[in-house]
N, C-alpha and C. Protein backbone atom coordinates (compact mmCIF):
# COMPACT_ATOMS: atom_id res chain seq x y z
N MET A 1 0.85 -1.52 -0.15
CA MET A 1 -0.31 -0.30 0.19
C MET A 1 1.24 1.52 -0.21
N PRO A 2 0.59 2.16 -1.03
CA PRO A 2 1.69 3.54 -1.28
C PRO A 2 0.92 4.23 0.38
N PRO A 3 2.11 4.97 0.52
CA PRO A 3 2.04 6.05 1.72
C PRO A 3 0.94 7.16 1.83
N LEU A 4 0.25 7.05 2.79
CA LEU A 4 -0.96 8.49 3.16
C LEU A 4 0.22 9.49 2.23
N PRO A 5 -0.65 10.26 1.76
CA PRO A 5 -0.20 12.21 1.22
C PRO A 5 -0.41 12.56 2.84
N PHE A 6 0.41 13.64 2.39
CA PHE A 6 0.23 14.74 4.10
C PHE A 6 -0.74 15.02 4.50
N PRO A 7 -1.75 15.71 3.47
CA PRO A 7 -3.25 15.68 4.49
C PRO A 7 -3.68 14.75 4.83
N SER A 8 -3.68 13.33 4.64
CA SER A 8 -4.30 12.16 4.89
C SER A 8 -3.71 11.95 6.14
N ARG A 9 -2.31 12.15 6.42
CA ARG A 9 -1.60 11.81 7.75
C ARG A 9 -1.79 13.01 8.66
N ARG A 10 -2.12 14.32 8.05
CA ARG A 10 -2.77 15.03 9.13
C ARG A 10 -4.01 14.72 10.23
N LEU A 11 -5.06 14.42 9.03
CA LEU A 11 -6.47 13.82 9.61
C LEU A 11 -6.40 12.67 10.30
N ALA A 12 -5.49 11.59 9.73
CA ALA A 12 -5.39 10.34 10.73
C ALA A 12 -5.07 10.80 12.31
N ALA A 13 -3.61 11.67 11.91
CA ALA A 13 -3.17 12.27 13.36
C ALA A 13 -4.57 12.78 14.18
N VAL A 14 -5.36 13.16 13.65
CA VAL A 14 -6.37 14.00 14.62
C VAL A 14 -7.26 13.10 14.64
N ALA A 15 -8.00 12.08 14.23
CA ALA A 15 -8.76 10.98 14.61
C ALA A 15 -7.81 10.18 15.37
N ALA A 16 -6.60 9.57 15.43
CA ALA A 16 -5.86 9.17 16.78
C ALA A 16 -5.58 9.77 17.49
N ALA A 17 -6.03 11.08 17.93
CA ALA A 17 -5.95 12.12 18.85
C ALA A 17 -7.47 11.74 19.82
N LEU A 18 -8.14 12.24 18.82
CA LEU A 18 -9.32 11.99 19.46
C LEU A 18 -9.54 10.55 19.85
N LEU A 19 -9.31 9.77 19.18
CA LEU A 19 -9.28 8.49 19.81
C LEU A 19 -8.76 8.05 21.10
N ALA A 20 -7.81 8.86 21.00
CA ALA A 20 -6.77 8.93 22.54
C ALA A 20 -7.60 9.29 23.98
N VAL A 21 -8.11 10.60 23.21
CA VAL A 21 -8.77 11.43 24.44
C VAL A 21 -10.30 10.87 25.01
N ALA A 22 -11.02 10.38 24.23
CA ALA A 22 -12.31 9.77 24.20
C ALA A 22 -12.54 8.73 25.82
N PRO A 23 -11.19 7.92 25.64
CA PRO A 23 -11.63 6.75 27.02
C PRO A 23 -11.01 7.48 28.28
N LEU A 24 -10.76 8.87 28.23
CA LEU A 24 -10.14 9.46 29.74
C LEU A 24 -11.23 10.20 30.17
N ALA A 25 -12.62 10.36 29.34
CA ALA A 25 -13.49 11.06 29.53
C ALA A 25 -14.67 10.79 30.48
N ARG A 26 -14.68 9.39 30.68
CA ARG A 26 -15.32 8.65 32.26
C ARG A 26 -14.88 8.56 33.40
N PRO A 27 -13.27 9.18 33.50
CA PRO A 27 -13.07 9.35 34.82
C PRO A 27 -13.28 10.59 35.10
N ALA A 28 -13.01 11.49 33.96
CA ALA A 28 -13.42 12.72 34.12
C ALA A 28 -14.69 13.24 34.58
N PHE A 29 -15.48 12.53 34.46
CA PHE A 29 -17.06 12.97 34.96
C PHE A 29 -17.04 12.58 36.53
N ALA A 30 -16.30 11.72 37.02
CA ALA A 30 -16.64 11.40 38.06
C ALA A 30 -16.48 12.53 39.27
N GLN A 31 -15.18 13.49 38.66
CA GLN A 31 -14.55 14.72 39.13
C GLN A 31 -14.95 15.86 38.60
N ARG A 32 -16.59 15.70 37.68
CA ARG A 32 -16.71 16.94 37.32
C ARG A 32 -16.42 17.83 36.42
N LEU A 33 -15.53 16.58 35.39
CA LEU A 33 -15.05 17.58 34.47
C LEU A 33 -16.10 16.84 33.02
N HIS A 34 -16.00 17.90 32.09
CA HIS A 34 -16.40 17.39 31.25
C HIS A 34 -15.32 17.96 29.57
N LEU A 35 -15.42 16.64 28.84
CA LEU A 35 -14.65 16.90 27.51
C LEU A 35 -16.17 17.67 26.63
N GLY A 36 -15.16 18.53 25.58
CA GLY A 36 -15.53 19.22 24.85
C GLY A 36 -15.21 18.96 23.33
N LEU A 37 -15.88 18.78 22.27
CA LEU A 37 -15.02 19.08 20.84
C LEU A 37 -15.87 19.72 20.43
N LEU A 38 -14.75 20.55 19.68
CA LEU A 38 -15.27 21.48 18.93
C LEU A 38 -14.26 21.64 17.47
N GLY A 39 -14.85 22.40 16.71
CA GLY A 39 -14.49 22.92 15.73
C GLY A 39 -14.24 24.32 15.38
N GLY A 40 -14.10 24.61 14.43
CA GLY A 40 -13.95 26.20 13.77
C GLY A 40 -12.75 27.13 13.18
N SER A 41 -12.48 28.09 13.67
CA SER A 41 -11.12 28.82 13.55
C SER A 41 -10.66 29.52 14.61
N THR A 42 -9.35 29.67 14.76
CA THR A 42 -8.68 30.11 15.79
C THR A 42 -6.80 30.37 15.17
N ASP A 43 -6.41 31.84 15.78
CA ASP A 43 -5.19 32.13 15.61
C ASP A 43 -4.25 31.23 16.18
N LEU A 44 -4.68 30.67 17.50
CA LEU A 44 -3.49 29.91 18.08
C LEU A 44 -2.93 28.38 16.92
N THR A 45 -3.56 28.15 16.18
CA THR A 45 -3.05 27.40 15.35
C THR A 45 -2.68 27.95 13.97
N ALA A 46 -2.56 28.92 13.85
CA ALA A 46 -2.51 30.13 12.85
C ALA A 46 -3.06 30.35 11.88
N GLY A 47 -4.52 30.64 12.08
CA GLY A 47 -5.77 30.74 11.40
C GLY A 47 -5.94 29.55 10.46
N GLY A 48 -7.16 29.78 9.45
CA GLY A 48 -7.36 28.56 9.23
C GLY A 48 -8.33 27.48 10.03
N TRP A 49 -8.75 26.62 9.31
CA TRP A 49 -10.02 25.83 10.54
C TRP A 49 -8.47 25.15 11.53
N SER A 50 -9.81 24.38 12.44
CA SER A 50 -9.33 23.92 13.87
C SER A 50 -10.07 23.21 13.92
N LEU A 51 -9.87 21.75 15.38
CA LEU A 51 -10.16 21.13 16.04
C LEU A 51 -9.88 20.86 17.31
N ALA A 52 -10.78 21.21 18.40
CA ALA A 52 -10.37 21.53 19.65
C ALA A 52 -10.89 20.28 20.54
N THR A 53 -10.15 19.97 21.53
CA THR A 53 -10.61 19.45 22.65
C THR A 53 -10.41 20.01 23.77
N LEU A 54 -11.17 20.34 24.57
CA LEU A 54 -11.38 21.28 25.66
C LEU A 54 -11.95 20.23 27.09
N LEU A 55 -10.97 20.51 28.25
CA LEU A 55 -11.88 20.02 29.34
C LEU A 55 -11.85 21.02 30.20
N ILE A 56 -13.24 20.79 30.60
CA ILE A 56 -13.97 21.84 31.36
C ILE A 56 -14.23 21.75 32.75
N SER A 57 -13.75 22.45 33.45
CA SER A 57 -14.50 22.00 34.90
C SER A 57 -15.34 22.62 35.59
N GLU A 58 -16.39 21.58 35.97
CA GLU A 58 -17.58 22.38 36.59
C GLU A 58 -17.56 22.95 38.00
N ALA A 59 -16.45 22.22 38.49
CA ALA A 59 -16.41 23.13 40.24
C ALA A 59 -15.15 23.83 40.14
N ARG A 60 -14.14 24.17 39.14
CA ARG A 60 -13.04 24.72 39.62
C ARG A 60 -13.34 25.83 38.12
N PRO A 61 -12.37 27.07 38.71
CA PRO A 61 -12.78 27.71 37.03
C PRO A 61 -11.37 27.58 36.09
N TYR A 62 -11.69 26.97 35.77
CA TYR A 62 -10.42 26.71 34.97
C TYR A 62 -10.74 25.08 33.87
N SER A 63 -10.02 26.01 32.42
CA SER A 63 -10.33 24.49 31.43
C SER A 63 -8.92 24.79 30.66
N PHE A 64 -8.93 23.24 30.27
CA PHE A 64 -7.37 23.17 29.23
C PHE A 64 -7.67 22.62 28.18
N GLY A 65 -7.06 22.80 26.81
CA GLY A 65 -7.40 22.17 25.82
C GLY A 65 -6.63 22.17 24.88
N LEU A 66 -6.93 21.67 23.99
CA LEU A 66 -5.68 21.08 22.78
C LEU A 66 -6.65 21.63 21.35
N GLN A 67 -5.60 21.89 20.18
CA GLN A 67 -6.15 22.10 18.91
C GLN A 67 -5.28 22.15 17.89
N LEU A 68 -6.08 21.14 16.91
CA LEU A 68 -4.66 20.70 15.29
C LEU A 68 -5.64 21.20 14.36
N GLY A 69 -5.08 22.23 13.73
CA GLY A 69 -5.63 22.87 12.43
C GLY A 69 -4.99 22.25 11.29
N ASN A 70 -5.31 22.81 10.20
CA ASN A 70 -4.53 22.56 9.03
C ASN A 70 -3.05 23.51 8.79
N LYS A 71 -3.41 24.23 9.54
CA LYS A 71 -1.68 24.98 9.11
C LYS A 71 -1.15 25.15 11.13
N GLY A 72 -1.45 24.71 11.93
CA GLY A 72 -0.50 24.07 13.04
C GLY A 72 -1.27 23.50 14.16
N ALA A 73 -0.90 23.43 15.79
CA ALA A 73 -1.07 23.06 16.29
C ALA A 73 -1.12 23.78 17.96
N GLY A 74 -1.85 23.25 18.83
CA GLY A 74 -1.29 24.20 19.99
C GLY A 74 -2.19 23.89 21.13
N ALA A 75 -1.83 24.48 22.48
CA ALA A 75 -2.53 24.26 23.80
C ALA A 75 -3.11 25.13 24.52
N MET A 76 -4.05 25.22 25.52
CA MET A 76 -4.46 26.45 25.91
C MET A 76 -4.52 26.16 27.48
N ALA A 77 -4.49 26.93 28.26
CA ALA A 77 -5.21 27.19 29.70
C ALA A 77 -5.88 28.13 29.70
N GLU A 78 -6.92 28.04 30.53
CA GLU A 78 -7.95 29.21 30.67
C GLU A 78 -8.74 29.35 31.79
N LEU A 79 -8.78 30.29 32.24
CA LEU A 79 -9.53 30.90 33.58
C LEU A 79 -10.76 31.48 33.42
N ALA A 80 -11.75 30.70 33.83
CA ALA A 80 -13.03 31.24 33.68
C ALA A 80 -13.89 31.58 34.65
N TRP A 81 -15.23 32.40 34.61
CA TRP A 81 -16.22 32.58 35.82
C TRP A 81 -17.32 32.89 34.97
N HIS A 82 -18.21 33.36 35.87
CA HIS A 82 -19.90 33.67 35.50
C HIS A 82 -19.73 34.91 35.60
N PRO A 83 -20.10 35.55 34.27
CA PRO A 83 -20.53 36.91 34.64
C PRO A 83 -21.66 37.29 35.68
N GLN A 84 -21.57 38.77 36.07
CA GLN A 84 -22.62 38.88 37.39
C GLN A 84 -24.41 38.74 36.87
N ARG A 85 -24.23 38.89 35.70
CA ARG A 85 -25.47 38.88 34.84
C ARG A 85 -25.48 37.53 33.87
N GLY A 86 -26.37 36.63 34.15
CA GLY A 86 -26.25 35.57 33.37
C GLY A 86 -27.64 35.64 32.50
N PRO A 87 -27.92 34.74 31.73
CA PRO A 87 -29.17 35.08 30.85
C PRO A 87 -30.46 34.34 32.10
N ARG A 88 -31.48 35.09 31.49
CA ARG A 88 -32.24 35.08 32.53
C ARG A 88 -33.63 34.66 31.22
N GLY A 89 -34.66 34.52 31.65
CA GLY A 89 -36.28 34.22 31.25
C GLY A 89 -36.24 33.03 30.54
N PRO A 90 -36.35 32.90 28.55
CA PRO A 90 -36.48 31.70 28.20
C PRO A 90 -34.81 31.46 28.21
N TRP A 91 -34.15 32.33 28.35
CA TRP A 91 -32.67 31.66 28.41
C TRP A 91 -31.93 30.91 29.62
N SER A 92 -33.01 30.84 30.54
CA SER A 92 -31.97 30.61 32.02
C SER A 92 -31.62 29.19 32.13
N ASP A 93 -31.80 28.13 30.84
CA ASP A 93 -31.16 27.15 31.03
C ASP A 93 -29.88 27.13 30.18
N VAL A 94 -29.32 28.08 29.98
CA VAL A 94 -28.02 28.01 29.39
C VAL A 94 -26.96 29.18 30.20
N ASP A 95 -25.83 28.47 30.05
CA ASP A 95 -24.67 28.90 31.06
C ASP A 95 -23.90 29.37 30.23
N ALA A 96 -23.50 30.78 30.74
CA ALA A 96 -22.82 31.81 29.99
C ALA A 96 -21.30 31.94 30.59
N PHE A 97 -20.01 31.41 30.11
CA PHE A 97 -19.36 31.80 30.89
C PHE A 97 -18.15 32.93 30.10
N GLU A 98 -17.41 34.05 30.88
CA GLU A 98 -16.29 34.45 30.30
C GLU A 98 -14.82 34.02 30.98
N TYR A 99 -14.06 34.22 29.85
CA TYR A 99 -12.59 33.67 30.35
C TYR A 99 -11.60 34.14 29.66
N PHE A 100 -10.43 34.08 30.25
CA PHE A 100 -9.14 34.72 29.84
C PHE A 100 -8.47 33.46 29.39
N SER A 101 -7.50 33.28 28.20
CA SER A 101 -7.13 31.85 27.94
C SER A 101 -5.45 32.40 27.40
N LEU A 102 -4.82 31.52 27.56
CA LEU A 102 -3.54 32.27 27.14
C LEU A 102 -2.90 30.61 26.60
N GLY A 103 -2.15 30.50 25.32
CA GLY A 103 -2.16 29.42 24.80
C GLY A 103 -0.75 29.81 23.98
N ILE A 104 -0.31 28.42 23.43
CA ILE A 104 1.02 28.16 22.68
C ILE A 104 0.80 27.39 21.83
N GLY A 105 1.36 27.61 20.42
CA GLY A 105 0.95 27.11 19.45
C GLY A 105 2.17 26.77 18.47
N SER A 106 2.34 25.85 17.86
CA SER A 106 3.60 25.26 16.91
C SER A 106 2.93 25.57 15.21
N ARG A 107 3.64 26.43 14.59
CA ARG A 107 2.96 26.56 13.02
C ARG A 107 3.81 24.87 11.81
N PHE A 108 3.04 24.92 11.03
CA PHE A 108 3.22 23.73 10.09
C PHE A 108 3.99 24.65 9.57
N GLY A 109 5.38 24.32 8.71
CA GLY A 109 5.70 24.86 7.62
C GLY A 109 7.15 24.81 7.50
N PRO A 110 7.78 25.77 6.80
CA PRO A 110 9.18 25.98 6.23
C PRO A 110 9.57 26.15 7.55
N ARG A 111 11.29 25.69 7.86
CA ARG A 111 11.46 26.24 9.45
C ARG A 111 13.22 26.81 8.60
N GLY A 112 14.03 27.57 9.15
CA GLY A 112 14.98 27.83 8.97
C GLY A 112 15.75 28.96 9.54
N TYR A 113 16.61 29.33 9.57
CA TYR A 113 17.15 30.18 10.61
C TYR A 113 16.50 31.79 10.82
N GLY A 114 16.17 32.15 11.99
CA GLY A 114 15.32 33.34 12.03
C GLY A 114 14.21 33.06 11.94
N VAL A 115 13.39 31.96 11.76
CA VAL A 115 11.90 31.54 11.07
C VAL A 115 11.47 30.95 12.60
N SER A 116 10.13 31.73 13.05
CA SER A 116 9.74 31.22 14.32
C SER A 116 9.36 29.91 14.16
N TRP A 117 9.30 29.30 15.18
CA TRP A 117 8.80 27.58 15.72
C TRP A 117 7.15 27.90 16.08
N GLY A 118 6.98 28.85 16.52
CA GLY A 118 5.03 28.83 16.91
C GLY A 118 4.85 30.49 17.24
N GLN A 119 4.14 30.32 17.78
CA GLN A 119 3.36 31.92 18.54
C GLN A 119 2.41 31.64 19.78
N TRP A 120 2.35 32.84 20.36
CA TRP A 120 1.57 32.66 21.74
C TRP A 120 0.28 33.71 21.00
N ASN A 121 -0.71 33.21 22.19
CA ASN A 121 -1.44 34.41 22.23
C ASN A 121 -2.51 34.28 23.45
N LEU A 122 -2.80 35.43 23.76
CA LEU A 122 -3.86 35.79 24.46
C LEU A 122 -5.06 36.26 24.59
N LEU A 123 -6.24 35.74 25.06
CA LEU A 123 -7.61 36.11 24.19
C LEU A 123 -8.50 36.13 25.55
N ALA A 124 -9.38 36.91 25.70
CA ALA A 124 -10.76 37.35 26.10
C ALA A 124 -11.79 36.51 25.83
N GLY A 125 -12.76 35.89 26.32
CA GLY A 125 -14.00 35.74 25.31
C GLY A 125 -15.34 35.25 26.02
N SER A 126 -15.94 34.53 25.81
CA SER A 126 -17.04 34.02 26.35
C SER A 126 -17.77 32.58 25.62
N ARG A 127 -18.30 31.82 26.47
CA ARG A 127 -18.86 30.38 25.91
C ARG A 127 -20.44 30.20 26.53
N LEU A 128 -21.27 29.88 25.35
CA LEU A 128 -22.16 29.05 26.13
C LEU A 128 -22.37 27.88 26.06
N MET A 129 -22.99 27.15 27.01
CA MET A 129 -23.56 26.07 26.94
C MET A 129 -24.63 25.55 27.53
N PRO A 130 -25.44 24.55 27.56
CA PRO A 130 -26.50 24.20 28.32
C PRO A 130 -26.06 24.34 29.82
N ALA A 131 -26.73 24.99 30.55
CA ALA A 131 -26.54 24.72 32.30
C ALA A 131 -26.12 23.39 32.74
N ASP A 132 -26.80 22.13 32.23
CA ASP A 132 -26.12 20.91 32.68
C ASP A 132 -24.71 20.38 32.00
N HIS A 133 -24.24 21.08 31.16
CA HIS A 133 -22.86 20.95 30.96
C HIS A 133 -23.11 20.25 29.77
N HIS A 134 -23.95 19.36 29.31
CA HIS A 134 -24.19 18.56 27.98
C HIS A 134 -25.03 18.72 27.12
N GLY A 135 -24.16 19.15 25.66
CA GLY A 135 -24.63 19.90 24.81
C GLY A 135 -23.83 20.68 23.64
N LEU A 136 -24.66 21.32 23.04
CA LEU A 136 -23.74 22.16 22.17
C LEU A 136 -23.29 23.49 22.67
N VAL A 137 -22.31 23.80 22.12
CA VAL A 137 -21.62 24.82 22.74
C VAL A 137 -20.99 26.21 21.93
N PHE A 138 -20.92 26.85 22.24
CA PHE A 138 -20.11 28.21 21.01
C PHE A 138 -19.36 28.72 22.32
N ASP A 139 -18.28 29.65 21.59
CA ASP A 139 -17.10 30.10 21.74
C ASP A 139 -16.64 30.72 20.87
N VAL A 140 -16.52 32.39 21.73
CA VAL A 140 -15.91 33.54 20.65
C VAL A 140 -14.71 34.06 21.43
N GLY A 141 -13.88 34.52 21.11
CA GLY A 141 -12.66 35.05 21.85
C GLY A 141 -11.88 36.17 20.93
N VAL A 142 -11.38 37.26 21.52
CA VAL A 142 -10.56 38.32 20.66
C VAL A 142 -9.15 38.82 21.53
N GLY A 143 -8.17 38.72 20.90
CA GLY A 143 -6.94 39.31 21.87
C GLY A 143 -5.95 39.43 20.96
N MET A 144 -4.88 38.97 21.43
CA MET A 144 -3.48 39.48 20.41
C MET A 144 -2.59 38.14 20.26
N PHE A 145 -1.90 38.50 19.59
CA PHE A 145 -0.94 37.17 19.44
C PHE A 145 0.54 37.51 19.00
N GLY A 146 1.67 36.51 19.23
CA GLY A 146 2.81 37.16 18.80
C GLY A 146 3.39 35.99 18.27
N THR A 147 4.60 36.21 17.89
CA THR A 147 5.72 34.65 17.55
C THR A 147 6.61 34.43 18.46
N LEU A 148 7.02 33.40 18.41
CA LEU A 148 8.28 32.32 19.43
C LEU A 148 9.07 31.89 18.44
N GLY A 149 10.30 32.93 18.73
CA GLY A 149 11.61 32.26 18.28
C GLY A 149 11.91 32.92 17.16
N GLY A 150 11.75 33.63 16.98
CA GLY A 150 11.96 34.69 15.29
C GLY A 150 10.89 35.10 14.96
N SER A 151 10.84 35.35 13.29
CA SER A 151 9.70 36.01 12.69
C SER A 151 9.22 34.93 12.12
N SER A 152 8.18 35.33 11.45
CA SER A 152 6.83 34.32 10.82
C SER A 152 7.28 34.28 9.20
N PRO A 153 7.00 33.04 8.92
CA PRO A 153 7.67 33.33 7.19
C PRO A 153 6.69 33.96 6.55
N ASP A 154 5.58 34.37 6.86
CA ASP A 154 4.45 35.76 6.19
C ASP A 154 4.79 36.74 6.29
N GLY A 155 5.53 37.13 7.33
CA GLY A 155 6.17 38.29 7.87
C GLY A 155 5.38 39.15 9.08
N VAL A 156 3.91 38.29 9.40
CA VAL A 156 3.34 39.01 10.42
C VAL A 156 3.74 38.36 11.67
N ASN A 157 4.39 39.16 12.58
CA ASN A 157 5.30 39.03 13.53
C ASN A 157 3.98 38.84 14.81
N GLY A 158 2.93 39.75 15.09
CA GLY A 158 2.09 39.90 16.16
C GLY A 158 0.82 40.77 15.64
N GLY A 159 -0.28 40.74 16.34
CA GLY A 159 -1.61 41.72 15.95
C GLY A 159 -2.39 40.74 17.07
N PHE A 160 -3.31 40.95 16.28
CA PHE A 160 -5.18 40.72 16.86
C PHE A 160 -5.47 39.58 16.32
N ALA A 161 -6.05 38.71 17.20
CA ALA A 161 -6.47 37.14 17.38
C ALA A 161 -7.78 37.50 17.53
N GLY A 162 -8.38 35.85 16.86
CA GLY A 162 -9.74 35.53 17.30
C GLY A 162 -9.85 33.93 17.44
N ARG A 163 -10.92 33.71 17.68
CA ARG A 163 -11.42 32.29 17.58
C ARG A 163 -12.83 32.28 17.53
N VAL A 164 -13.02 31.33 16.52
CA VAL A 164 -14.75 31.28 16.78
C VAL A 164 -14.73 29.64 16.98
N LEU A 165 -15.53 28.94 18.19
CA LEU A 165 -15.45 27.42 17.88
C LEU A 165 -16.80 27.25 18.22
N PHE A 166 -17.17 25.98 18.08
CA PHE A 166 -18.69 25.53 18.24
C PHE A 166 -18.45 24.09 18.02
N GLY A 167 -19.22 23.34 18.98
CA GLY A 167 -19.44 21.86 19.22
C GLY A 167 -20.09 21.41 20.04
N TRP A 168 -19.83 19.93 20.82
CA TRP A 168 -20.40 19.44 21.78
C TRP A 168 -19.53 19.08 22.73
N VAL A 169 -20.27 19.39 24.00
CA VAL A 169 -19.81 18.92 25.54
C VAL A 169 -20.72 17.68 25.65
N PHE A 170 -19.78 16.84 26.77
CA PHE A 170 -19.93 15.11 27.16
C PHE A 170 -20.06 15.70 28.77
């Protein structure tokens, strides 16, 4: 059998990562941790599309995540809290969070002298999910990013960052 082309290897790596994370979900439920699988676009993976796993704590104000996209991969840590005024009325079964997220990512692509190996980002955002923390989740954040270890291949070494993710929390 011929070797898989490069994009197919990336998709195989994404599938393997998701399958590796799935068995960790059951023990996490006992500690009031919820696993989210999300997709969308984020600057942590140098733009483009991204798949993310997010481990959300129901009892503590933090969450951790991993992202893999067509242009890079990264990890993030978040500090989250409930806003003073949450959804009311017909939206009372929705749980809202605000967060600060710090991430470090590695870009796919050419390496060489003076070329950065990755980037950092700092975001502030909001996440909406069902009050029981099981179901559809929306996540939007804005902030800034910069390079790590040199300048970027495309000449953009920092600026505004953003992410839009949606998915499911188990």
